[in-house]
Amino acid sequence: HELSVGASYLGLAFKPAKTDDRALKHLDKRRSALMADVSYSYVSRFGLIRSRLGQDVLGQSGGMLGDLSLHIPWITDSFVLMPGLGVQWASSKHNEYYYGLSGKESRRSGLKRYKPGNTFSPYLTIEAKYGITDKWDLVAKGKIEYLAGRIQDSPMVGKSFATSIMAGVQYNF
């Protein structure tokens, strides 16, 4: 059993000035957020089961993200490789901020007003961790997510998949 509390950077953003689409140029900016996260992990005979719940603490969307995943670890003395699969839940506040179009934006842009609501998006991931010392680790993660239909239907989205990579250093208490 492991309980973790932390913070993570959510790099979703939209800058209307940087798009080539005329209608999208009339939308409001969407800014990145800082998420306060609580996660719980359990090692079972099937692998590592992980759940996570995060809240936007900067007030960009006021939304929440939840996650449930299963990982199968491959472990050596100082290296861990974990492929996994999971599903991410996104609250309606999160989705409306990042993918929705308000009435004002609709009038300015000529695009239809859009409210995506809550969504569930499945994903595949691979994580790696290398122990530098007993307390410090190098970590990396890659993820490919199949975007929920209500996200794909947004006029702001032009694809059905999203990819992300992360690398960093972890301190273990």
Foldseek 3Di string as FASTA:
>chain_A
DDKDKDKDKAQQKDALVPDPDQLSVLADIQGIFIWTKIKDWDQDPQAIWMKMKIAGPVPRQRWIKIKIKGWHWDDDDFKIKTKIKIKMKIAQSRCCRRQFGDPVSCVRRVDDGARLGMDIKIKIKMKMWGDPDPFKIKIKMKMKIQAGPSRCPGPVDDDRIDIDMDIDMGTHD
